[in-house]
N, C-alpha and C. Protein backbone atom coordinates (compact mmCIF):
# COMPACT_ATOMS: atom_id res chain seq x y z
N UNK A 1 1.02 -7.05 61.36
CA UNK A 1 1.93 -6.63 60.32
C UNK A 1 1.51 -7.21 58.96
N UNK A 2 1.30 -8.50 58.93
CA UNK A 2 0.94 -9.15 57.67
C UNK A 2 -0.56 -9.08 57.38
N UNK A 3 -1.38 -9.13 58.41
CA UNK A 3 -2.84 -9.20 58.24
C UNK A 3 -3.45 -7.80 58.33
N UNK A 4 -4.64 -7.72 58.91
CA UNK A 4 -5.31 -6.43 59.07
C UNK A 4 -4.89 -5.85 60.42
N UNK A 5 -4.52 -4.60 60.47
CA UNK A 5 -4.62 -3.56 59.44
C UNK A 5 -3.35 -3.39 58.60
N UNK A 6 -2.53 -4.42 58.50
CA UNK A 6 -1.24 -4.31 57.83
C UNK A 6 -1.26 -4.57 56.34
N UNK A 7 -0.35 -5.47 55.91
CA UNK A 7 -0.16 -5.70 54.48
C UNK A 7 -1.40 -6.22 53.78
N UNK A 8 -2.25 -6.97 54.47
CA UNK A 8 -3.46 -7.49 53.82
C UNK A 8 -4.33 -6.33 53.33
N UNK A 9 -4.59 -5.38 54.21
CA UNK A 9 -5.39 -4.20 53.84
C UNK A 9 -4.66 -3.39 52.77
N UNK A 10 -3.39 -3.17 53.00
CA UNK A 10 -2.56 -2.39 52.06
C UNK A 10 -2.61 -3.01 50.67
N UNK A 11 -2.39 -4.30 50.58
CA UNK A 11 -2.38 -4.98 49.28
C UNK A 11 -3.75 -5.04 48.63
N UNK A 12 -4.78 -5.31 49.44
CA UNK A 12 -6.14 -5.39 48.89
C UNK A 12 -6.56 -4.05 48.29
N UNK A 13 -6.28 -2.97 49.00
CA UNK A 13 -6.64 -1.64 48.49
C UNK A 13 -5.84 -1.30 47.23
N UNK A 14 -4.58 -1.66 47.22
CA UNK A 14 -3.74 -1.38 46.04
C UNK A 14 -4.26 -2.13 44.82
N UNK A 15 -4.72 -3.36 45.01
CA UNK A 15 -5.21 -4.15 43.87
C UNK A 15 -6.52 -3.60 43.32
N UNK A 16 -7.24 -2.82 44.11
CA UNK A 16 -8.51 -2.23 43.65
C UNK A 16 -8.32 -0.93 42.89
N UNK A 17 -7.11 -0.40 42.89
CA UNK A 17 -6.86 0.87 42.20
C UNK A 17 -7.07 0.71 40.70
N UNK A 18 -7.63 1.73 40.10
CA UNK A 18 -7.84 1.72 38.65
C UNK A 18 -7.07 2.89 38.05
N UNK A 19 -6.80 2.78 36.78
CA UNK A 19 -6.15 3.87 36.08
C UNK A 19 -4.64 3.94 36.27
N UNK A 20 -4.07 2.94 36.92
CA UNK A 20 -2.62 2.92 37.08
C UNK A 20 -2.01 1.91 36.11
N UNK A 21 -0.80 2.18 35.64
CA UNK A 21 -0.13 1.17 34.81
C UNK A 21 0.11 -0.10 35.62
N UNK A 22 0.17 -1.23 34.94
CA UNK A 22 0.35 -2.51 35.63
C UNK A 22 1.54 -2.51 36.58
N UNK A 23 2.65 -1.91 36.16
CA UNK A 23 3.83 -1.95 37.02
C UNK A 23 3.58 -1.25 38.35
N UNK A 24 2.71 -0.26 38.36
CA UNK A 24 2.39 0.44 39.61
C UNK A 24 1.55 -0.42 40.55
N UNK A 25 0.75 -1.32 40.00
CA UNK A 25 -0.06 -2.21 40.84
C UNK A 25 0.82 -3.16 41.64
N UNK A 26 1.99 -3.44 41.13
CA UNK A 26 2.91 -4.36 41.81
C UNK A 26 4.15 -3.66 42.35
N UNK A 27 4.17 -2.34 42.31
CA UNK A 27 5.31 -1.55 42.78
C UNK A 27 5.35 -1.63 44.30
N UNK A 28 6.51 -1.97 44.85
CA UNK A 28 6.61 -2.14 46.30
C UNK A 28 7.87 -1.48 46.83
N UNK A 29 7.83 -0.16 47.01
CA UNK A 29 8.97 0.47 47.66
C UNK A 29 9.03 0.01 49.12
N UNK A 30 10.13 -0.57 49.51
CA UNK A 30 10.23 -1.17 50.84
C UNK A 30 9.90 -0.21 51.98
N UNK A 31 10.41 1.00 51.92
CA UNK A 31 10.18 1.93 53.03
C UNK A 31 8.69 2.21 53.21
N UNK A 32 7.96 2.34 52.11
CA UNK A 32 6.52 2.55 52.22
C UNK A 32 5.82 1.28 52.68
N UNK A 33 6.07 0.17 51.99
CA UNK A 33 5.36 -1.07 52.28
C UNK A 33 5.64 -1.59 53.68
N UNK A 34 6.90 -1.71 54.03
CA UNK A 34 7.24 -2.24 55.35
C UNK A 34 7.02 -1.19 56.43
N UNK A 35 7.14 0.08 56.05
CA UNK A 35 6.78 1.14 57.00
C UNK A 35 5.33 1.05 57.41
N UNK A 36 4.44 0.78 56.42
CA UNK A 36 3.02 0.58 56.74
C UNK A 36 2.86 -0.64 57.64
N UNK A 37 3.61 -1.70 57.37
CA UNK A 37 3.52 -2.90 58.20
C UNK A 37 3.84 -2.59 59.66
N UNK A 38 4.93 -1.88 59.91
CA UNK A 38 5.28 -1.52 61.29
C UNK A 38 4.29 -0.54 61.88
N UNK A 39 3.90 0.44 61.10
CA UNK A 39 2.89 1.40 61.57
C UNK A 39 1.62 0.67 61.98
N UNK A 40 1.24 -0.34 61.22
CA UNK A 40 0.00 -1.07 61.53
C UNK A 40 0.12 -1.85 62.83
N UNK A 41 1.32 -2.29 63.18
CA UNK A 41 1.50 -2.96 64.47
C UNK A 41 1.20 -1.99 65.61
N UNK A 42 1.68 -0.78 65.49
CA UNK A 42 1.40 0.25 66.50
C UNK A 42 -0.09 0.61 66.47
N UNK A 43 -0.64 0.73 65.27
CA UNK A 43 -2.05 1.05 65.10
C UNK A 43 -2.93 -0.01 65.75
N UNK A 44 -2.55 -1.27 65.60
CA UNK A 44 -3.31 -2.36 66.22
C UNK A 44 -3.39 -2.16 67.73
N UNK A 45 -2.32 -1.68 68.33
CA UNK A 45 -2.35 -1.37 69.77
C UNK A 45 -3.32 -0.24 70.07
N UNK A 46 -3.31 0.80 69.25
CA UNK A 46 -4.24 1.91 69.43
C UNK A 46 -5.69 1.46 69.28
N UNK A 47 -5.89 0.47 68.41
CA UNK A 47 -7.24 -0.03 68.14
C UNK A 47 -7.72 -1.00 69.22
N UNK A 48 -6.84 -1.37 70.15
CA UNK A 48 -7.22 -2.30 71.20
C UNK A 48 -7.19 -3.76 70.78
N UNK A 49 -6.45 -4.07 69.73
CA UNK A 49 -6.38 -5.45 69.25
C UNK A 49 -5.56 -6.33 70.19
N UNK A 50 -4.56 -5.76 70.84
CA UNK A 50 -3.76 -6.54 71.80
C UNK A 50 -4.49 -6.54 73.14
N UNK A 51 -4.80 -7.73 73.63
CA UNK A 51 -5.59 -7.83 74.85
C UNK A 51 -4.79 -8.31 76.06
N UNK A 52 -3.81 -9.14 75.84
CA UNK A 52 -3.08 -9.72 76.97
C UNK A 52 -1.71 -9.07 77.10
N UNK A 53 -1.11 -9.19 78.28
CA UNK A 53 0.26 -8.68 78.43
C UNK A 53 1.23 -9.34 77.45
N UNK A 54 0.98 -10.59 77.10
CA UNK A 54 1.86 -11.28 76.16
C UNK A 54 1.78 -10.67 74.77
N UNK A 55 0.59 -10.27 74.37
CA UNK A 55 0.44 -9.61 73.06
C UNK A 55 1.15 -8.26 73.05
N UNK A 56 1.01 -7.51 74.14
CA UNK A 56 1.71 -6.22 74.24
C UNK A 56 3.23 -6.44 74.24
N UNK A 57 3.67 -7.45 74.98
CA UNK A 57 5.10 -7.76 75.02
C UNK A 57 5.60 -8.14 73.62
N UNK A 58 4.82 -8.93 72.92
CA UNK A 58 5.21 -9.32 71.56
C UNK A 58 5.38 -8.11 70.66
N UNK A 59 4.44 -7.18 70.73
CA UNK A 59 4.53 -5.98 69.90
C UNK A 59 5.76 -5.16 70.28
N UNK A 60 6.00 -5.00 71.57
CA UNK A 60 7.15 -4.21 72.01
C UNK A 60 8.47 -4.90 71.68
N UNK A 61 8.52 -6.23 71.81
CA UNK A 61 9.77 -6.93 71.49
C UNK A 61 10.07 -6.84 70.00
N UNK A 62 9.02 -6.90 69.18
CA UNK A 62 9.23 -6.73 67.73
C UNK A 62 9.66 -5.30 67.41
N UNK A 63 9.09 -4.33 68.12
CA UNK A 63 9.48 -2.94 67.90
C UNK A 63 10.96 -2.75 68.24
N UNK A 64 11.40 -3.36 69.33
CA UNK A 64 12.81 -3.28 69.72
C UNK A 64 13.70 -3.92 68.66
N UNK A 65 13.29 -5.07 68.15
CA UNK A 65 14.06 -5.75 67.11
C UNK A 65 14.21 -4.85 65.88
N UNK A 66 13.13 -4.22 65.46
CA UNK A 66 13.20 -3.36 64.27
C UNK A 66 14.09 -2.15 64.53
N UNK A 67 14.07 -1.62 65.74
CA UNK A 67 14.97 -0.50 66.08
C UNK A 67 16.43 -0.98 66.07
N UNK A 68 16.66 -2.18 66.57
CA UNK A 68 18.02 -2.72 66.56
C UNK A 68 18.55 -2.94 65.15
N UNK A 69 17.66 -3.18 64.21
CA UNK A 69 18.09 -3.32 62.82
C UNK A 69 18.82 -2.07 62.34
N UNK A 70 18.35 -0.90 62.79
CA UNK A 70 18.99 0.35 62.39
C UNK A 70 20.45 0.36 62.83
N UNK A 71 20.68 -0.10 64.05
CA UNK A 71 22.03 -0.12 64.61
C UNK A 71 22.90 -1.16 63.89
N UNK A 72 22.36 -2.36 63.74
CA UNK A 72 23.14 -3.47 63.19
C UNK A 72 23.47 -3.25 61.71
N UNK A 73 22.48 -2.88 60.92
CA UNK A 73 22.73 -2.67 59.49
C UNK A 73 23.74 -1.55 59.29
N UNK A 74 23.56 -0.46 60.02
CA UNK A 74 24.51 0.65 59.94
C UNK A 74 25.88 0.23 60.46
N UNK A 75 25.88 -0.51 61.55
CA UNK A 75 27.15 -0.99 62.10
C UNK A 75 27.95 -1.80 61.10
N UNK A 76 27.28 -2.74 60.44
CA UNK A 76 27.98 -3.61 59.49
C UNK A 76 28.38 -2.88 58.22
N UNK A 77 27.48 -2.07 57.68
CA UNK A 77 27.72 -1.52 56.35
C UNK A 77 28.35 -0.13 56.35
N UNK A 78 28.38 0.53 57.50
CA UNK A 78 29.00 1.86 57.54
C UNK A 78 30.10 1.98 58.60
N UNK A 79 30.05 1.12 59.61
CA UNK A 79 30.99 1.26 60.72
C UNK A 79 32.00 0.11 60.81
N UNK A 80 31.92 -0.82 59.89
CA UNK A 80 32.90 -1.89 59.85
C UNK A 80 32.70 -3.02 60.84
N UNK A 81 31.49 -3.17 61.37
CA UNK A 81 31.23 -4.27 62.29
C UNK A 81 31.43 -5.61 61.60
N UNK A 82 31.83 -6.59 62.38
CA UNK A 82 31.90 -7.96 61.89
C UNK A 82 30.52 -8.61 62.06
N UNK A 83 30.38 -9.77 61.43
CA UNK A 83 29.14 -10.54 61.58
C UNK A 83 28.93 -10.86 63.06
N UNK A 84 30.01 -11.22 63.76
CA UNK A 84 29.88 -11.59 65.17
C UNK A 84 29.46 -10.40 66.03
N UNK A 85 29.96 -9.22 65.73
CA UNK A 85 29.54 -8.03 66.48
C UNK A 85 28.04 -7.80 66.31
N UNK A 86 27.55 -7.99 65.10
CA UNK A 86 26.11 -7.82 64.85
C UNK A 86 25.31 -8.87 65.61
N UNK A 87 25.77 -10.11 65.58
CA UNK A 87 25.10 -11.18 66.32
C UNK A 87 25.08 -10.86 67.81
N UNK A 88 26.20 -10.44 68.35
CA UNK A 88 26.28 -10.12 69.78
C UNK A 88 25.34 -8.98 70.16
N UNK A 89 25.27 -7.96 69.30
CA UNK A 89 24.39 -6.83 69.59
C UNK A 89 22.93 -7.28 69.64
N UNK A 90 22.50 -8.05 68.64
CA UNK A 90 21.11 -8.52 68.63
C UNK A 90 20.83 -9.45 69.80
N UNK A 91 21.80 -10.29 70.15
CA UNK A 91 21.61 -11.21 71.29
C UNK A 91 21.44 -10.44 72.59
N UNK A 92 22.11 -9.31 72.72
CA UNK A 92 22.03 -8.50 73.95
C UNK A 92 20.82 -7.59 74.00
N UNK A 93 20.21 -7.32 72.85
CA UNK A 93 19.18 -6.27 72.81
C UNK A 93 17.83 -6.68 72.24
N UNK A 94 17.67 -7.96 71.90
CA UNK A 94 16.39 -8.42 71.37
C UNK A 94 15.99 -9.72 72.05
N UNK A 95 14.76 -10.14 71.79
CA UNK A 95 14.25 -11.41 72.31
C UNK A 95 14.35 -12.51 71.26
N UNK A 96 15.10 -12.29 70.19
CA UNK A 96 15.22 -13.27 69.12
C UNK A 96 16.05 -14.47 69.57
N UNK A 97 15.74 -15.64 69.01
CA UNK A 97 16.52 -16.84 69.28
C UNK A 97 17.86 -16.75 68.55
N UNK A 98 18.79 -17.59 68.94
CA UNK A 98 20.10 -17.61 68.31
C UNK A 98 19.98 -17.89 66.81
N UNK A 99 19.14 -18.83 66.44
CA UNK A 99 18.94 -19.15 65.02
C UNK A 99 18.36 -17.94 64.27
N UNK A 100 17.35 -17.29 64.86
CA UNK A 100 16.76 -16.11 64.21
C UNK A 100 17.80 -15.01 64.03
N UNK A 101 18.62 -14.81 65.05
CA UNK A 101 19.64 -13.76 64.98
C UNK A 101 20.62 -14.04 63.85
N UNK A 102 21.09 -15.27 63.75
CA UNK A 102 22.05 -15.60 62.69
C UNK A 102 21.41 -15.44 61.31
N UNK A 103 20.18 -15.88 61.17
CA UNK A 103 19.47 -15.75 59.90
C UNK A 103 19.28 -14.29 59.53
N UNK A 104 18.88 -13.49 60.51
CA UNK A 104 18.67 -12.06 60.27
C UNK A 104 19.97 -11.36 59.89
N UNK A 105 21.03 -11.63 60.62
CA UNK A 105 22.31 -10.98 60.32
C UNK A 105 22.77 -11.34 58.91
N UNK A 106 22.62 -12.60 58.52
CA UNK A 106 23.00 -12.99 57.16
C UNK A 106 22.14 -12.27 56.12
N UNK A 107 20.88 -12.07 56.45
CA UNK A 107 20.00 -11.31 55.55
C UNK A 107 20.49 -9.87 55.41
N UNK A 108 20.84 -9.24 56.52
CA UNK A 108 21.31 -7.85 56.47
C UNK A 108 22.62 -7.75 55.69
N UNK A 109 23.47 -8.76 55.81
CA UNK A 109 24.73 -8.77 55.06
C UNK A 109 24.44 -8.82 53.56
N UNK A 110 23.49 -9.66 53.17
CA UNK A 110 23.19 -9.85 51.76
C UNK A 110 22.28 -8.82 51.14
N UNK A 111 21.63 -8.00 51.97
CA UNK A 111 20.66 -7.03 51.44
C UNK A 111 20.82 -5.71 52.20
N UNK A 112 21.94 -5.04 52.02
CA UNK A 112 22.21 -3.81 52.78
C UNK A 112 21.08 -2.79 52.65
N UNK A 113 20.69 -2.24 53.77
CA UNK A 113 19.70 -1.17 53.79
C UNK A 113 18.25 -1.61 53.81
N UNK A 114 17.95 -2.83 53.38
CA UNK A 114 16.55 -3.24 53.31
C UNK A 114 15.92 -3.29 54.70
N UNK A 115 16.65 -3.81 55.67
CA UNK A 115 16.10 -3.90 57.03
C UNK A 115 15.85 -2.52 57.63
N UNK A 116 16.62 -1.53 57.20
CA UNK A 116 16.41 -0.16 57.68
C UNK A 116 15.08 0.40 57.21
N UNK A 117 14.66 -0.05 56.05
CA UNK A 117 13.48 0.55 55.42
C UNK A 117 12.22 0.40 56.27
N UNK A 118 12.12 -0.65 57.05
CA UNK A 118 10.94 -0.85 57.89
C UNK A 118 10.75 0.33 58.85
N UNK A 119 11.79 0.58 59.63
CA UNK A 119 11.69 1.61 60.66
C UNK A 119 11.67 3.01 60.04
N UNK A 120 12.45 3.21 58.99
CA UNK A 120 12.46 4.52 58.32
C UNK A 120 11.07 4.84 57.79
N UNK A 121 10.42 3.86 57.16
CA UNK A 121 9.07 4.07 56.65
C UNK A 121 8.07 4.33 57.76
N UNK A 122 8.16 3.54 58.83
CA UNK A 122 7.24 3.75 59.96
C UNK A 122 7.42 5.14 60.54
N UNK A 123 8.66 5.55 60.74
CA UNK A 123 8.92 6.87 61.33
C UNK A 123 8.37 7.98 60.43
N UNK A 124 8.47 7.81 59.12
CA UNK A 124 7.94 8.83 58.20
C UNK A 124 6.42 8.88 58.28
N UNK A 125 5.76 7.73 58.30
CA UNK A 125 4.30 7.72 58.40
C UNK A 125 3.86 8.35 59.72
N UNK A 126 4.56 8.03 60.81
CA UNK A 126 4.22 8.64 62.10
C UNK A 126 4.44 10.15 62.08
N UNK A 127 5.52 10.60 61.46
CA UNK A 127 5.78 12.04 61.36
C UNK A 127 4.71 12.73 60.53
N UNK A 128 4.29 12.10 59.44
CA UNK A 128 3.24 12.68 58.61
C UNK A 128 1.91 12.70 59.35
N UNK A 129 1.64 11.67 60.11
CA UNK A 129 0.41 11.65 60.90
C UNK A 129 0.44 12.78 61.93
N UNK A 130 1.57 12.94 62.59
CA UNK A 130 1.70 14.03 63.57
C UNK A 130 1.50 15.38 62.89
N UNK A 131 2.09 15.54 61.72
CA UNK A 131 1.91 16.80 60.97
C UNK A 131 0.45 17.04 60.66
N UNK A 132 -0.25 15.99 60.21
CA UNK A 132 -1.68 16.13 59.90
C UNK A 132 -2.49 16.43 61.16
N UNK A 133 -2.18 15.76 62.25
CA UNK A 133 -2.90 16.01 63.51
C UNK A 133 -2.70 17.45 63.97
N UNK A 134 -1.46 17.92 63.90
CA UNK A 134 -1.15 19.29 64.31
C UNK A 134 -1.83 20.31 63.39
N UNK A 135 -1.80 20.06 62.10
CA UNK A 135 -2.36 21.00 61.13
C UNK A 135 -3.88 21.05 61.17
N UNK A 136 -4.50 19.90 61.42
CA UNK A 136 -5.96 19.83 61.33
C UNK A 136 -6.65 19.90 62.69
N UNK A 137 -5.91 19.70 63.76
CA UNK A 137 -6.51 19.77 65.08
C UNK A 137 -7.70 18.84 65.22
N UNK A 138 -8.81 19.38 65.69
CA UNK A 138 -10.01 18.56 65.92
C UNK A 138 -10.62 18.04 64.62
N UNK A 139 -10.21 18.59 63.49
CA UNK A 139 -10.73 18.12 62.19
C UNK A 139 -9.95 16.90 61.67
N UNK A 140 -8.89 16.53 62.38
CA UNK A 140 -8.12 15.36 61.95
C UNK A 140 -9.00 14.12 62.04
N UNK A 141 -9.00 13.34 60.96
CA UNK A 141 -9.78 12.10 60.88
C UNK A 141 -8.80 10.98 60.54
N UNK A 142 -8.60 10.06 61.48
CA UNK A 142 -7.62 9.00 61.29
C UNK A 142 -7.93 8.15 60.06
N UNK A 143 -9.22 7.91 59.80
CA UNK A 143 -9.58 7.11 58.62
C UNK A 143 -9.22 7.84 57.33
N UNK A 144 -9.50 9.13 57.29
CA UNK A 144 -9.16 9.92 56.10
C UNK A 144 -7.64 9.96 55.91
N UNK A 145 -6.91 10.06 57.01
CA UNK A 145 -5.45 10.04 56.92
C UNK A 145 -4.97 8.72 56.32
N UNK A 146 -5.50 7.61 56.83
CA UNK A 146 -5.09 6.30 56.30
C UNK A 146 -5.48 6.15 54.83
N UNK A 147 -6.66 6.66 54.48
CA UNK A 147 -7.07 6.64 53.07
C UNK A 147 -6.05 7.40 52.21
N UNK A 148 -5.59 8.54 52.72
CA UNK A 148 -4.62 9.34 51.97
C UNK A 148 -3.28 8.61 51.85
N UNK A 149 -2.86 7.93 52.92
CA UNK A 149 -1.61 7.18 52.87
C UNK A 149 -1.67 6.07 51.83
N UNK A 150 -2.79 5.35 51.80
CA UNK A 150 -2.91 4.17 50.93
C UNK A 150 -3.54 4.45 49.57
N UNK A 151 -3.86 5.71 49.30
CA UNK A 151 -4.66 6.08 48.12
C UNK A 151 -4.05 5.68 46.78
N UNK A 152 -2.74 5.67 46.68
CA UNK A 152 -2.10 5.43 45.39
C UNK A 152 -1.22 4.19 45.37
N UNK A 153 -1.49 3.27 46.28
CA UNK A 153 -0.68 2.06 46.34
C UNK A 153 0.72 2.38 46.82
N UNK A 154 1.67 1.53 46.43
CA UNK A 154 3.04 1.73 46.85
C UNK A 154 3.65 2.96 46.21
N UNK A 155 4.16 3.84 47.04
CA UNK A 155 4.81 5.07 46.56
C UNK A 155 6.11 5.28 47.35
N UNK A 156 6.98 6.09 46.80
CA UNK A 156 8.19 6.45 47.53
C UNK A 156 7.83 7.41 48.65
N UNK A 157 8.72 7.56 49.61
CA UNK A 157 8.42 8.46 50.74
C UNK A 157 8.26 9.92 50.31
N UNK A 158 9.05 10.45 49.36
CA UNK A 158 8.79 11.82 48.91
C UNK A 158 7.40 11.98 48.29
N UNK A 159 6.96 10.99 47.54
CA UNK A 159 5.61 11.05 46.96
C UNK A 159 4.57 10.97 48.07
N UNK A 160 4.80 10.12 49.06
CA UNK A 160 3.86 10.03 50.19
C UNK A 160 3.75 11.38 50.90
N UNK A 161 4.88 12.06 51.10
CA UNK A 161 4.84 13.38 51.73
C UNK A 161 3.95 14.33 50.94
N UNK A 162 4.09 14.33 49.62
CA UNK A 162 3.25 15.20 48.79
C UNK A 162 1.77 14.81 48.91
N UNK A 163 1.49 13.51 48.94
CA UNK A 163 0.10 13.06 49.10
C UNK A 163 -0.50 13.58 50.40
N UNK A 164 0.26 13.49 51.48
CA UNK A 164 -0.27 13.92 52.78
C UNK A 164 -0.38 15.43 52.84
N UNK A 165 0.54 16.14 52.24
CA UNK A 165 0.41 17.61 52.19
C UNK A 165 -0.85 17.99 51.42
N UNK A 166 -1.14 17.28 50.34
CA UNK A 166 -2.36 17.55 49.56
C UNK A 166 -3.60 17.21 50.39
N UNK A 167 -3.55 16.12 51.14
CA UNK A 167 -4.67 15.74 52.02
C UNK A 167 -4.91 16.83 53.07
N UNK A 168 -3.84 17.31 53.67
CA UNK A 168 -3.97 18.37 54.69
C UNK A 168 -4.57 19.63 54.06
N UNK A 169 -4.04 20.03 52.92
CA UNK A 169 -4.55 21.24 52.25
C UNK A 169 -6.02 21.09 51.89
N UNK A 170 -6.42 19.94 51.39
CA UNK A 170 -7.83 19.72 51.03
C UNK A 170 -8.72 19.73 52.26
N UNK A 171 -8.26 19.13 53.35
CA UNK A 171 -9.06 19.12 54.58
C UNK A 171 -9.18 20.53 55.16
N UNK A 172 -8.12 21.31 55.08
CA UNK A 172 -8.18 22.69 55.55
C UNK A 172 -9.11 23.52 54.68
N UNK A 173 -9.05 23.33 53.37
CA UNK A 173 -9.91 24.08 52.45
C UNK A 173 -11.38 23.72 52.67
N UNK A 174 -11.65 22.46 52.93
CA UNK A 174 -13.04 22.02 53.16
C UNK A 174 -13.61 22.61 54.44
N UNK A 175 -12.74 22.95 55.38
CA UNK A 175 -13.20 23.50 56.66
C UNK A 175 -13.45 25.01 56.58
N UNK A 176 -13.02 25.64 55.51
CA UNK A 176 -13.19 27.10 55.39
C UNK A 176 -14.58 27.47 54.98
């Protein structure tokens, strides 16, 4: 998530961009940035980076925690859950320690919606990848897709969708 192929690659490529205003070099829309972080955890599995059952378990337990964030954040901020209900839910559905759970719940209370952005961003990147794979078939190139995702640094999800649609159109045109 933090290292390669995650935020380290994402940040390094963004810092190499030229022709962007300074504010864009440091622009960090959470859904894009943290979505890439979660996507990279899954990608690391596809790349064979996880070798032991413990590494696979770690990735899956973190994936479960991020999915539970959707329930807990929504529960507290839209469904009227108490802090204790959120703690109980995470204790029953994640591998987090009691201290981690309390810290996380307090974070979600103080920053509504931010924890959702991780999974929302990952799901959007996965959906865009699926769209590109379906549209391009055997011409789909995972490296070119990742280049297209990271091409303009941090962007909002609607802008990312337009970038990937342009990537798909260009790849289709090149094949004609």
